[in-house]
């Protein structure tokens, strides 16, 4: 019983922290960074409780953020990509695929998520494009976005490693599991 209550407490605390971070995405220069940090809150949930619990964590934070968030950009980024990516990353890396296949899945998921995010904004919500935007910019922007994603993925790997080596022993003692 203690183990289950500790798991529930960990997931609840991290969900609340992720939601607080998403509530601060109204700061214009911090929208993407705070959405990415909110996603990092899901790492301990995935490591300690598994992929299904990670998806429940994502769904919980996403639903509450959609109801409470002050900006659509930060919440949209969390919903479209950052929130579920930590679960996908853990799942793909735990399957021992060849490195090329891992990166193909990760890059493909990122590309589809960002394309869907942009399509929702432009086609469904009919948000006007900036005056400086030209359609030829999509290819260079896509390449730059993929490069930033690779850096984000490598940084996330470092966070997961740090969690396993330094933070996990302290959290296990704190939440008694």
N, C-alpha and C. Protein backbone atom coordinates (compact mmCIF):
# COMPACT_ATOMS: atom_id res chain seq x y z
N UNK A 1 0.80 -1.19 0.00
CA UNK A 1 0.00 0.00 0.00
C UNK A 1 0.86 1.27 0.00
N UNK A 2 1.95 1.25 0.78
CA UNK A 2 2.83 2.42 0.83
C UNK A 2 3.43 2.70 -0.55
N UNK A 3 3.79 1.64 -1.27
CA UNK A 3 4.41 1.81 -2.56
C UNK A 3 3.44 2.50 -3.53
N UNK A 4 2.17 2.09 -3.52
CA UNK A 4 1.19 2.70 -4.41
C UNK A 4 0.92 4.16 -4.04
N UNK A 5 0.84 4.45 -2.76
CA UNK A 5 0.59 5.83 -2.36
C UNK A 5 1.79 6.71 -2.68
N UNK A 6 2.99 6.16 -2.56
CA UNK A 6 4.19 6.92 -2.95
C UNK A 6 4.21 7.22 -4.43
N UNK A 7 3.82 6.24 -5.25
CA UNK A 7 3.76 6.45 -6.70
C UNK A 7 2.72 7.51 -7.05
N UNK A 8 1.58 7.42 -6.41
CA UNK A 8 0.52 8.39 -6.67
C UNK A 8 0.95 9.80 -6.25
N UNK A 9 1.62 9.89 -5.11
CA UNK A 9 2.10 11.19 -4.64
C UNK A 9 3.13 11.78 -5.61
N UNK A 10 4.05 10.94 -6.07
CA UNK A 10 5.06 11.41 -7.03
C UNK A 10 4.40 11.93 -8.30
N UNK A 11 3.48 11.15 -8.85
CA UNK A 11 2.80 11.56 -10.08
C UNK A 11 2.00 12.84 -9.87
N UNK A 12 1.35 12.97 -8.72
CA UNK A 12 0.57 14.17 -8.45
C UNK A 12 1.42 15.41 -8.30
N UNK A 13 2.52 15.29 -7.59
CA UNK A 13 3.42 16.43 -7.39
C UNK A 13 4.01 16.87 -8.73
N UNK A 14 4.44 15.92 -9.54
CA UNK A 14 5.04 16.26 -10.82
C UNK A 14 4.01 16.81 -11.81
N UNK A 15 2.79 16.31 -11.75
CA UNK A 15 1.73 16.86 -12.60
C UNK A 15 1.43 18.31 -12.21
N UNK A 16 1.38 18.57 -10.92
CA UNK A 16 1.14 19.93 -10.46
C UNK A 16 2.27 20.87 -10.88
N UNK A 17 3.51 20.40 -10.75
CA UNK A 17 4.65 21.22 -11.17
C UNK A 17 4.61 21.51 -12.66
N UNK A 18 4.30 20.51 -13.46
CA UNK A 18 4.19 20.72 -14.91
C UNK A 18 3.10 21.72 -15.24
N UNK A 19 1.99 21.64 -14.54
CA UNK A 19 0.89 22.57 -14.78
C UNK A 19 1.29 24.00 -14.40
N UNK A 20 1.98 24.16 -13.29
CA UNK A 20 2.45 25.49 -12.89
C UNK A 20 3.39 26.06 -13.95
N UNK A 21 4.28 25.24 -14.46
CA UNK A 21 5.19 25.72 -15.51
C UNK A 21 4.41 26.15 -16.75
N UNK A 22 3.38 25.39 -17.11
CA UNK A 22 2.58 25.77 -18.27
C UNK A 22 1.77 27.05 -18.03
N UNK A 23 1.41 27.29 -16.79
CA UNK A 23 0.68 28.52 -16.49
C UNK A 23 1.55 29.76 -16.68
N UNK A 24 2.86 29.60 -16.60
CA UNK A 24 3.77 30.73 -16.79
C UNK A 24 4.18 30.92 -18.25
N UNK A 25 3.58 30.18 -19.17
CA UNK A 25 3.93 30.36 -20.58
C UNK A 25 3.38 31.66 -21.17
N UNK A 26 2.69 32.44 -20.37
CA UNK A 26 2.25 33.75 -20.86
C UNK A 26 3.44 34.70 -21.03
N UNK A 27 4.58 34.36 -20.47
CA UNK A 27 5.79 35.16 -20.66
C UNK A 27 6.26 34.89 -22.09
N UNK A 28 6.23 35.87 -22.98
CA UNK A 28 6.45 35.61 -24.41
C UNK A 28 7.78 34.94 -24.74
N UNK A 29 8.84 35.30 -24.07
CA UNK A 29 10.15 34.73 -24.41
C UNK A 29 10.37 33.36 -23.81
N UNK A 30 9.47 32.90 -22.96
CA UNK A 30 9.67 31.63 -22.27
C UNK A 30 8.67 30.56 -22.67
N UNK A 31 7.87 30.79 -23.68
CA UNK A 31 6.81 29.87 -24.05
C UNK A 31 7.33 28.48 -24.35
N UNK A 32 8.28 28.37 -25.25
CA UNK A 32 8.81 27.06 -25.66
C UNK A 32 9.62 26.44 -24.53
N UNK A 33 10.43 27.23 -23.86
CA UNK A 33 11.27 26.70 -22.79
C UNK A 33 10.43 26.14 -21.65
N UNK A 34 9.38 26.84 -21.26
CA UNK A 34 8.55 26.36 -20.16
C UNK A 34 7.73 25.13 -20.56
N UNK A 35 7.30 25.06 -21.81
CA UNK A 35 6.61 23.85 -22.28
C UNK A 35 7.57 22.65 -22.26
N UNK A 36 8.82 22.88 -22.63
CA UNK A 36 9.82 21.81 -22.59
C UNK A 36 10.14 21.41 -21.16
N UNK A 37 10.24 22.37 -20.25
CA UNK A 37 10.49 22.06 -18.84
C UNK A 37 9.31 21.31 -18.22
N UNK A 38 8.10 21.67 -18.62
CA UNK A 38 6.92 20.94 -18.13
C UNK A 38 6.99 19.48 -18.57
N UNK A 39 7.50 19.24 -19.76
CA UNK A 39 7.64 17.86 -20.24
C UNK A 39 8.68 17.09 -19.44
N UNK A 40 9.72 17.77 -18.97
CA UNK A 40 10.77 17.11 -18.17
C UNK A 40 10.18 16.57 -16.87
N UNK A 41 9.10 17.17 -16.39
CA UNK A 41 8.44 16.66 -15.17
C UNK A 41 7.90 15.25 -15.37
N UNK A 42 7.70 14.85 -16.60
CA UNK A 42 7.19 13.51 -16.87
C UNK A 42 8.25 12.43 -16.82
N UNK A 43 9.52 12.80 -16.82
CA UNK A 43 10.60 11.81 -16.82
C UNK A 43 10.54 10.89 -15.61
N UNK A 44 10.45 11.42 -14.38
CA UNK A 44 10.38 10.51 -13.23
C UNK A 44 9.14 9.61 -13.26
N UNK A 45 8.04 10.13 -13.77
CA UNK A 45 6.83 9.32 -13.85
C UNK A 45 7.06 8.13 -14.78
N UNK A 46 7.66 8.39 -15.94
CA UNK A 46 7.92 7.31 -16.89
C UNK A 46 8.94 6.31 -16.33
N UNK A 47 10.00 6.82 -15.71
CA UNK A 47 11.05 5.93 -15.18
C UNK A 47 10.51 5.08 -14.03
N UNK A 48 9.81 5.69 -13.11
CA UNK A 48 9.37 4.98 -11.91
C UNK A 48 8.10 4.16 -12.12
N UNK A 49 7.19 4.66 -12.94
CA UNK A 49 5.88 4.03 -13.04
C UNK A 49 5.59 3.38 -14.39
N UNK A 50 6.36 3.69 -15.41
CA UNK A 50 6.18 3.06 -16.71
C UNK A 50 5.54 3.96 -17.75
N UNK A 51 5.44 3.41 -18.96
CA UNK A 51 4.94 4.18 -20.10
C UNK A 51 3.47 4.54 -19.96
N UNK A 52 2.66 3.61 -19.48
CA UNK A 52 1.23 3.89 -19.35
C UNK A 52 0.98 5.02 -18.34
N UNK A 53 1.68 4.98 -17.24
CA UNK A 53 1.54 6.05 -16.25
C UNK A 53 2.04 7.37 -16.83
N UNK A 54 3.07 7.32 -17.66
CA UNK A 54 3.55 8.53 -18.32
C UNK A 54 2.49 9.13 -19.23
N UNK A 55 1.75 8.28 -19.93
CA UNK A 55 0.67 8.77 -20.78
C UNK A 55 -0.48 9.34 -19.95
N UNK A 56 -0.77 8.72 -18.81
CA UNK A 56 -1.80 9.27 -17.93
C UNK A 56 -1.36 10.63 -17.38
N UNK A 57 -0.10 10.74 -17.00
CA UNK A 57 0.45 12.02 -16.55
C UNK A 57 0.29 13.07 -17.64
N UNK A 58 0.66 12.73 -18.86
CA UNK A 58 0.53 13.65 -19.99
C UNK A 58 -0.93 14.07 -20.18
N UNK A 59 -1.83 13.10 -20.18
CA UNK A 59 -3.25 13.41 -20.41
C UNK A 59 -3.80 14.30 -19.30
N UNK A 60 -3.40 14.04 -18.07
CA UNK A 60 -3.87 14.84 -16.94
C UNK A 60 -3.39 16.28 -17.06
N UNK A 61 -2.11 16.45 -17.28
CA UNK A 61 -1.55 17.80 -17.39
C UNK A 61 -2.12 18.51 -18.61
N UNK A 62 -2.26 17.80 -19.72
CA UNK A 62 -2.78 18.41 -20.94
C UNK A 62 -4.22 18.88 -20.75
N UNK A 63 -5.04 18.05 -20.11
CA UNK A 63 -6.44 18.43 -19.90
C UNK A 63 -6.55 19.63 -18.97
N UNK A 64 -5.82 19.60 -17.88
CA UNK A 64 -5.87 20.74 -16.95
C UNK A 64 -5.29 22.00 -17.57
N UNK A 65 -4.22 21.85 -18.33
CA UNK A 65 -3.62 23.02 -18.98
C UNK A 65 -4.56 23.61 -20.01
N UNK A 66 -5.27 22.77 -20.74
CA UNK A 66 -6.23 23.27 -21.72
C UNK A 66 -7.35 24.05 -21.05
N UNK A 67 -7.71 23.65 -19.83
CA UNK A 67 -8.77 24.36 -19.10
C UNK A 67 -8.28 25.63 -18.42
N UNK A 68 -7.02 25.62 -17.93
CA UNK A 68 -6.54 26.70 -17.07
C UNK A 68 -5.49 27.62 -17.69
N UNK A 69 -4.81 27.17 -18.71
CA UNK A 69 -3.65 27.92 -19.22
C UNK A 69 -4.06 29.28 -19.76
N UNK A 70 -3.14 30.22 -19.60
CA UNK A 70 -3.41 31.58 -20.06
C UNK A 70 -3.09 31.78 -21.54
N UNK A 71 -2.23 30.96 -22.09
CA UNK A 71 -1.86 31.11 -23.50
C UNK A 71 -2.08 29.81 -24.24
N UNK A 72 -2.42 29.93 -25.49
CA UNK A 72 -2.62 28.75 -26.32
C UNK A 72 -1.29 28.22 -26.85
N UNK A 73 -0.28 29.06 -26.95
CA UNK A 73 0.98 28.63 -27.55
C UNK A 73 1.68 27.59 -26.68
N UNK A 74 1.90 27.90 -25.42
CA UNK A 74 2.59 26.97 -24.53
C UNK A 74 1.82 25.69 -24.33
N UNK A 75 0.52 25.82 -24.11
CA UNK A 75 -0.31 24.63 -23.95
C UNK A 75 -0.34 23.84 -25.24
N UNK A 76 -0.44 24.53 -26.35
CA UNK A 76 -0.46 23.84 -27.65
C UNK A 76 0.83 23.08 -27.91
N UNK A 77 1.96 23.68 -27.59
CA UNK A 77 3.24 22.99 -27.76
C UNK A 77 3.34 21.76 -26.86
N UNK A 78 2.85 21.88 -25.63
CA UNK A 78 2.85 20.74 -24.72
C UNK A 78 1.94 19.64 -25.25
N UNK A 79 0.75 20.02 -25.70
CA UNK A 79 -0.19 19.04 -26.24
C UNK A 79 0.33 18.39 -27.51
N UNK A 80 0.86 19.21 -28.40
CA UNK A 80 1.27 18.70 -29.72
C UNK A 80 2.54 17.87 -29.69
N UNK A 81 3.47 18.20 -28.80
CA UNK A 81 4.75 17.49 -28.86
C UNK A 81 5.39 17.21 -27.51
N UNK A 82 5.71 18.24 -26.76
CA UNK A 82 6.56 18.07 -25.59
C UNK A 82 6.01 17.09 -24.57
N UNK A 83 4.72 17.13 -24.33
CA UNK A 83 4.13 16.30 -23.30
C UNK A 83 4.28 14.81 -23.53
N UNK A 84 3.99 14.35 -24.73
CA UNK A 84 4.05 12.92 -25.00
C UNK A 84 5.43 12.46 -25.48
N UNK A 85 6.30 13.38 -25.83
CA UNK A 85 7.59 12.95 -26.39
C UNK A 85 8.45 12.21 -25.37
N UNK A 86 8.40 12.57 -24.11
CA UNK A 86 9.22 11.86 -23.12
C UNK A 86 8.81 10.39 -23.04
N UNK A 87 7.52 10.11 -23.19
CA UNK A 87 7.04 8.72 -23.18
C UNK A 87 7.51 8.00 -24.44
N UNK A 88 7.39 8.65 -25.59
CA UNK A 88 7.84 8.04 -26.84
C UNK A 88 9.34 7.77 -26.80
N UNK A 89 10.10 8.73 -26.32
CA UNK A 89 11.56 8.57 -26.24
C UNK A 89 11.92 7.36 -25.38
N UNK A 90 11.31 7.26 -24.21
CA UNK A 90 11.59 6.13 -23.32
C UNK A 90 11.20 4.81 -23.97
N UNK A 91 10.06 4.80 -24.64
CA UNK A 91 9.60 3.57 -25.29
C UNK A 91 10.52 3.14 -26.41
N UNK A 92 10.87 4.08 -27.29
CA UNK A 92 11.72 3.76 -28.44
C UNK A 92 13.11 3.33 -27.98
N UNK A 93 13.67 4.02 -27.01
CA UNK A 93 15.01 3.69 -26.55
C UNK A 93 15.06 2.39 -25.74
N UNK A 94 13.93 1.98 -25.17
CA UNK A 94 13.92 0.73 -24.42
C UNK A 94 13.75 -0.49 -25.32
N UNK A 95 13.44 -0.31 -26.57
CA UNK A 95 13.20 -1.42 -27.49
C UNK A 95 14.45 -1.92 -28.21
N UNK A 96 15.57 -1.31 -27.97
CA UNK A 96 16.85 -1.72 -28.57
C UNK A 96 16.80 -1.77 -30.09
N UNK A 97 16.17 -0.76 -30.68
CA UNK A 97 16.20 -0.62 -32.13
C UNK A 97 17.60 -0.16 -32.53
N UNK A 98 17.99 -0.37 -33.78
CA UNK A 98 19.24 0.24 -34.25
C UNK A 98 19.14 1.77 -34.13
N UNK A 99 20.27 2.41 -33.93
CA UNK A 99 20.30 3.87 -33.73
C UNK A 99 19.60 4.62 -34.86
N UNK A 100 19.81 4.18 -36.08
CA UNK A 100 19.20 4.86 -37.23
C UNK A 100 17.68 4.77 -37.14
N UNK A 101 17.17 3.62 -36.76
CA UNK A 101 15.72 3.45 -36.63
C UNK A 101 15.17 4.32 -35.49
N UNK A 102 15.90 4.38 -34.38
CA UNK A 102 15.48 5.24 -33.26
C UNK A 102 15.33 6.68 -33.72
N UNK A 103 16.37 7.18 -34.38
CA UNK A 103 16.34 8.57 -34.82
C UNK A 103 15.29 8.79 -35.90
N UNK A 104 15.07 7.81 -36.75
CA UNK A 104 14.02 7.96 -37.78
C UNK A 104 12.65 8.09 -37.13
N UNK A 105 12.38 7.28 -36.12
CA UNK A 105 11.09 7.36 -35.43
C UNK A 105 10.97 8.70 -34.70
N UNK A 106 12.02 9.10 -34.00
CA UNK A 106 11.97 10.35 -33.25
C UNK A 106 11.80 11.56 -34.17
N UNK A 107 12.61 11.63 -35.23
CA UNK A 107 12.51 12.75 -36.16
C UNK A 107 11.17 12.76 -36.90
N UNK A 108 10.70 11.58 -37.26
CA UNK A 108 9.40 11.49 -37.91
C UNK A 108 8.27 11.95 -37.01
N UNK A 109 8.31 11.54 -35.76
CA UNK A 109 7.28 11.96 -34.80
C UNK A 109 7.33 13.47 -34.59
N UNK A 110 8.53 14.02 -34.49
CA UNK A 110 8.67 15.47 -34.32
C UNK A 110 8.12 16.22 -35.53
N UNK A 111 8.49 15.77 -36.71
CA UNK A 111 8.04 16.43 -37.94
C UNK A 111 6.53 16.40 -38.06
N UNK A 112 5.93 15.24 -37.80
CA UNK A 112 4.47 15.13 -37.88
C UNK A 112 3.79 16.00 -36.82
N UNK A 113 4.34 16.03 -35.63
CA UNK A 113 3.73 16.82 -34.56
C UNK A 113 3.78 18.31 -34.87
N UNK A 114 4.92 18.78 -35.34
CA UNK A 114 5.04 20.21 -35.65
C UNK A 114 4.19 20.58 -36.86
N UNK A 115 4.12 19.70 -37.85
CA UNK A 115 3.27 19.96 -39.02
C UNK A 115 1.80 20.01 -38.59
N UNK A 116 1.39 19.10 -37.73
CA UNK A 116 0.00 19.09 -37.25
C UNK A 116 -0.29 20.34 -36.42
N UNK A 117 0.67 20.73 -35.58
CA UNK A 117 0.52 21.93 -34.76
C UNK A 117 0.33 23.16 -35.66
N UNK A 118 1.17 23.29 -36.67
CA UNK A 118 1.05 24.42 -37.60
C UNK A 118 -0.25 24.37 -38.39
N UNK A 119 -0.65 23.18 -38.82
CA UNK A 119 -1.89 23.05 -39.58
C UNK A 119 -3.10 23.44 -38.74
N UNK A 120 -3.10 23.06 -37.48
CA UNK A 120 -4.21 23.44 -36.61
C UNK A 120 -4.28 24.95 -36.48
N UNK A 121 -3.13 25.58 -36.28
CA UNK A 121 -3.11 27.04 -36.12
C UNK A 121 -3.58 27.76 -37.39
N UNK A 122 -3.08 27.31 -38.53
CA UNK A 122 -3.35 28.04 -39.77
C UNK A 122 -4.70 27.64 -40.38
N UNK A 123 -4.96 26.33 -40.47
CA UNK A 123 -6.16 25.89 -41.17
C UNK A 123 -7.40 25.83 -40.27
N UNK A 124 -7.26 25.28 -39.10
CA UNK A 124 -8.42 25.10 -38.24
C UNK A 124 -8.78 26.38 -37.49
N UNK A 125 -7.80 26.98 -36.85
CA UNK A 125 -8.05 28.21 -36.08
C UNK A 125 -7.98 29.46 -36.94
N UNK A 126 -7.53 29.32 -38.17
CA UNK A 126 -7.43 30.40 -39.15
C UNK A 126 -6.67 31.61 -38.62
N UNK A 127 -5.55 31.33 -37.97
CA UNK A 127 -4.68 32.40 -37.47
C UNK A 127 -3.94 32.99 -38.68
N UNK A 128 -3.85 34.29 -38.75
CA UNK A 128 -3.16 34.90 -39.89
C UNK A 128 -1.65 34.65 -39.80
N UNK A 129 -1.06 34.43 -40.94
CA UNK A 129 0.39 34.26 -41.00
C UNK A 129 1.05 35.63 -40.89
N UNK A 130 2.26 35.69 -40.34
CA UNK A 130 2.95 36.98 -40.25
C UNK A 130 3.18 37.57 -41.64
N UNK A 131 3.27 38.87 -41.71
CA UNK A 131 3.45 39.54 -43.00
C UNK A 131 4.78 39.19 -43.64
N UNK A 132 5.78 38.86 -42.84
CA UNK A 132 7.10 38.54 -43.38
C UNK A 132 7.19 37.10 -43.88
N UNK A 133 6.16 36.28 -43.62
CA UNK A 133 6.21 34.86 -43.95
C UNK A 133 6.07 34.65 -45.46
N UNK A 134 6.89 33.75 -45.98
CA UNK A 134 6.79 33.29 -47.37
C UNK A 134 6.87 31.77 -47.35
N UNK A 135 6.15 31.11 -48.25
CA UNK A 135 6.07 29.65 -48.24
C UNK A 135 7.42 28.98 -48.47
N UNK A 136 8.34 29.66 -49.18
CA UNK A 136 9.65 29.06 -49.42
C UNK A 136 10.45 28.92 -48.12
N UNK A 137 10.02 29.60 -47.07
CA UNK A 137 10.73 29.54 -45.78
C UNK A 137 10.50 28.23 -45.03
N UNK A 138 9.51 27.45 -45.44
CA UNK A 138 9.20 26.22 -44.71
C UNK A 138 10.36 25.23 -44.70
N UNK A 139 11.04 25.05 -45.81
CA UNK A 139 12.14 24.08 -45.87
C UNK A 139 13.31 24.49 -44.96
N UNK A 140 13.83 25.71 -45.05
CA UNK A 140 14.90 26.08 -44.12
C UNK A 140 14.46 26.06 -42.66
N UNK A 141 13.22 26.48 -42.41
CA UNK A 141 12.71 26.45 -41.05
C UNK A 141 12.63 25.01 -40.55
N UNK A 142 12.19 24.10 -41.41
CA UNK A 142 12.10 22.69 -41.04
C UNK A 142 13.45 22.10 -40.70
N UNK A 143 14.47 22.42 -41.48
CA UNK A 143 15.82 21.92 -41.21
C UNK A 143 16.34 22.48 -39.88
N UNK A 144 16.13 23.76 -39.66
CA UNK A 144 16.57 24.37 -38.40
C UNK A 144 15.81 23.77 -37.21
N UNK A 145 14.52 23.53 -37.37
CA UNK A 145 13.73 22.93 -36.30
C UNK A 145 14.21 21.52 -35.99
N UNK A 146 14.55 20.76 -37.01
CA UNK A 146 15.07 19.40 -36.79
C UNK A 146 16.40 19.44 -36.04
N UNK A 147 17.25 20.41 -36.36
CA UNK A 147 18.53 20.53 -35.66
C UNK A 147 18.31 20.89 -34.19
N UNK A 148 17.39 21.79 -33.92
CA UNK A 148 17.08 22.15 -32.54
C UNK A 148 16.49 20.94 -31.81
N UNK A 149 15.66 20.16 -32.49
CA UNK A 149 15.09 18.97 -31.89
C UNK A 149 16.18 17.97 -31.50
N UNK A 150 17.17 17.78 -32.35
CA UNK A 150 18.26 16.86 -32.03
C UNK A 150 18.98 17.32 -30.76
N UNK A 151 19.23 18.62 -30.65
CA UNK A 151 19.87 19.15 -29.44
C UNK A 151 18.97 18.91 -28.23
N UNK A 152 17.66 19.13 -28.38
CA UNK A 152 16.72 18.89 -27.28
C UNK A 152 16.73 17.42 -26.87
N UNK A 153 16.74 16.53 -27.83
CA UNK A 153 16.75 15.10 -27.52
C UNK A 153 18.03 14.71 -26.78
N UNK A 154 19.16 15.21 -27.21
CA UNK A 154 20.41 14.91 -26.53
C UNK A 154 20.43 15.50 -25.12
N UNK A 155 19.88 16.69 -24.96
CA UNK A 155 19.79 17.29 -23.62
C UNK A 155 18.85 16.48 -22.73
N UNK A 156 17.77 16.00 -23.29
CA UNK A 156 16.84 15.17 -22.54
C UNK A 156 17.50 13.87 -22.09
N UNK A 157 18.36 13.31 -22.93
CA UNK A 157 19.11 12.12 -22.55
C UNK A 157 20.01 12.42 -21.36
N UNK A 158 20.64 13.59 -21.36
CA UNK A 158 21.46 14.00 -20.22
C UNK A 158 20.64 14.17 -18.95
N UNK A 159 19.43 14.70 -19.08
CA UNK A 159 18.56 14.86 -17.91
C UNK A 159 18.16 13.49 -17.37
N UNK A 160 17.84 12.56 -18.25
CA UNK A 160 17.46 11.21 -17.81
C UNK A 160 18.64 10.54 -17.11
N UNK A 161 19.84 10.69 -17.64
CA UNK A 161 21.03 10.11 -17.01
C UNK A 161 21.25 10.72 -15.63
N UNK A 162 21.14 12.04 -15.53
CA UNK A 162 21.29 12.71 -14.24
C UNK A 162 20.22 12.25 -13.26
N UNK A 163 19.02 12.08 -13.75
CA UNK A 163 17.95 11.59 -12.89
C UNK A 163 18.29 10.22 -12.31
N UNK A 164 18.73 9.31 -13.18
CA UNK A 164 19.08 7.96 -12.71
C UNK A 164 20.22 7.97 -11.70
N UNK A 165 21.23 8.79 -11.94
CA UNK A 165 22.43 8.75 -11.12
C UNK A 165 22.31 9.55 -9.82
N UNK A 166 21.66 10.71 -9.86
CA UNK A 166 21.68 11.59 -8.69
C UNK A 166 20.33 11.82 -8.02
N UNK A 167 19.30 11.96 -8.81
CA UNK A 167 18.01 12.36 -8.25
C UNK A 167 17.18 11.15 -7.80
N UNK A 168 17.22 10.09 -8.55
CA UNK A 168 16.38 8.91 -8.27
C UNK A 168 16.59 8.36 -6.86
N UNK A 169 17.82 8.19 -6.39
CA UNK A 169 17.97 7.68 -5.03
C UNK A 169 17.31 8.57 -3.97
N UNK A 170 17.34 9.87 -4.17
CA UNK A 170 16.74 10.79 -3.21
C UNK A 170 15.21 10.75 -3.28
N UNK A 171 14.67 10.67 -4.49
CA UNK A 171 13.22 10.61 -4.64
C UNK A 171 12.67 9.30 -4.10
N UNK A 172 13.37 8.21 -4.33
CA UNK A 172 12.91 6.91 -3.83
C UNK A 172 12.81 6.93 -2.31
N UNK A 173 13.75 7.58 -1.66
CA UNK A 173 13.70 7.68 -0.20
C UNK A 173 12.60 8.63 0.26
N UNK A 174 12.42 9.71 -0.46
CA UNK A 174 11.41 10.70 -0.09
C UNK A 174 10.00 10.16 -0.23
N UNK A 175 9.74 9.46 -1.33
CA UNK A 175 8.40 8.95 -1.58
C UNK A 175 8.24 7.49 -1.11
N UNK A 176 9.27 6.93 -0.52
CA UNK A 176 9.26 5.59 0.09
C UNK A 176 8.77 4.49 -0.84
N UNK A 177 9.45 4.35 -1.96
CA UNK A 177 9.18 3.20 -2.83
C UNK A 177 10.46 2.70 -3.42
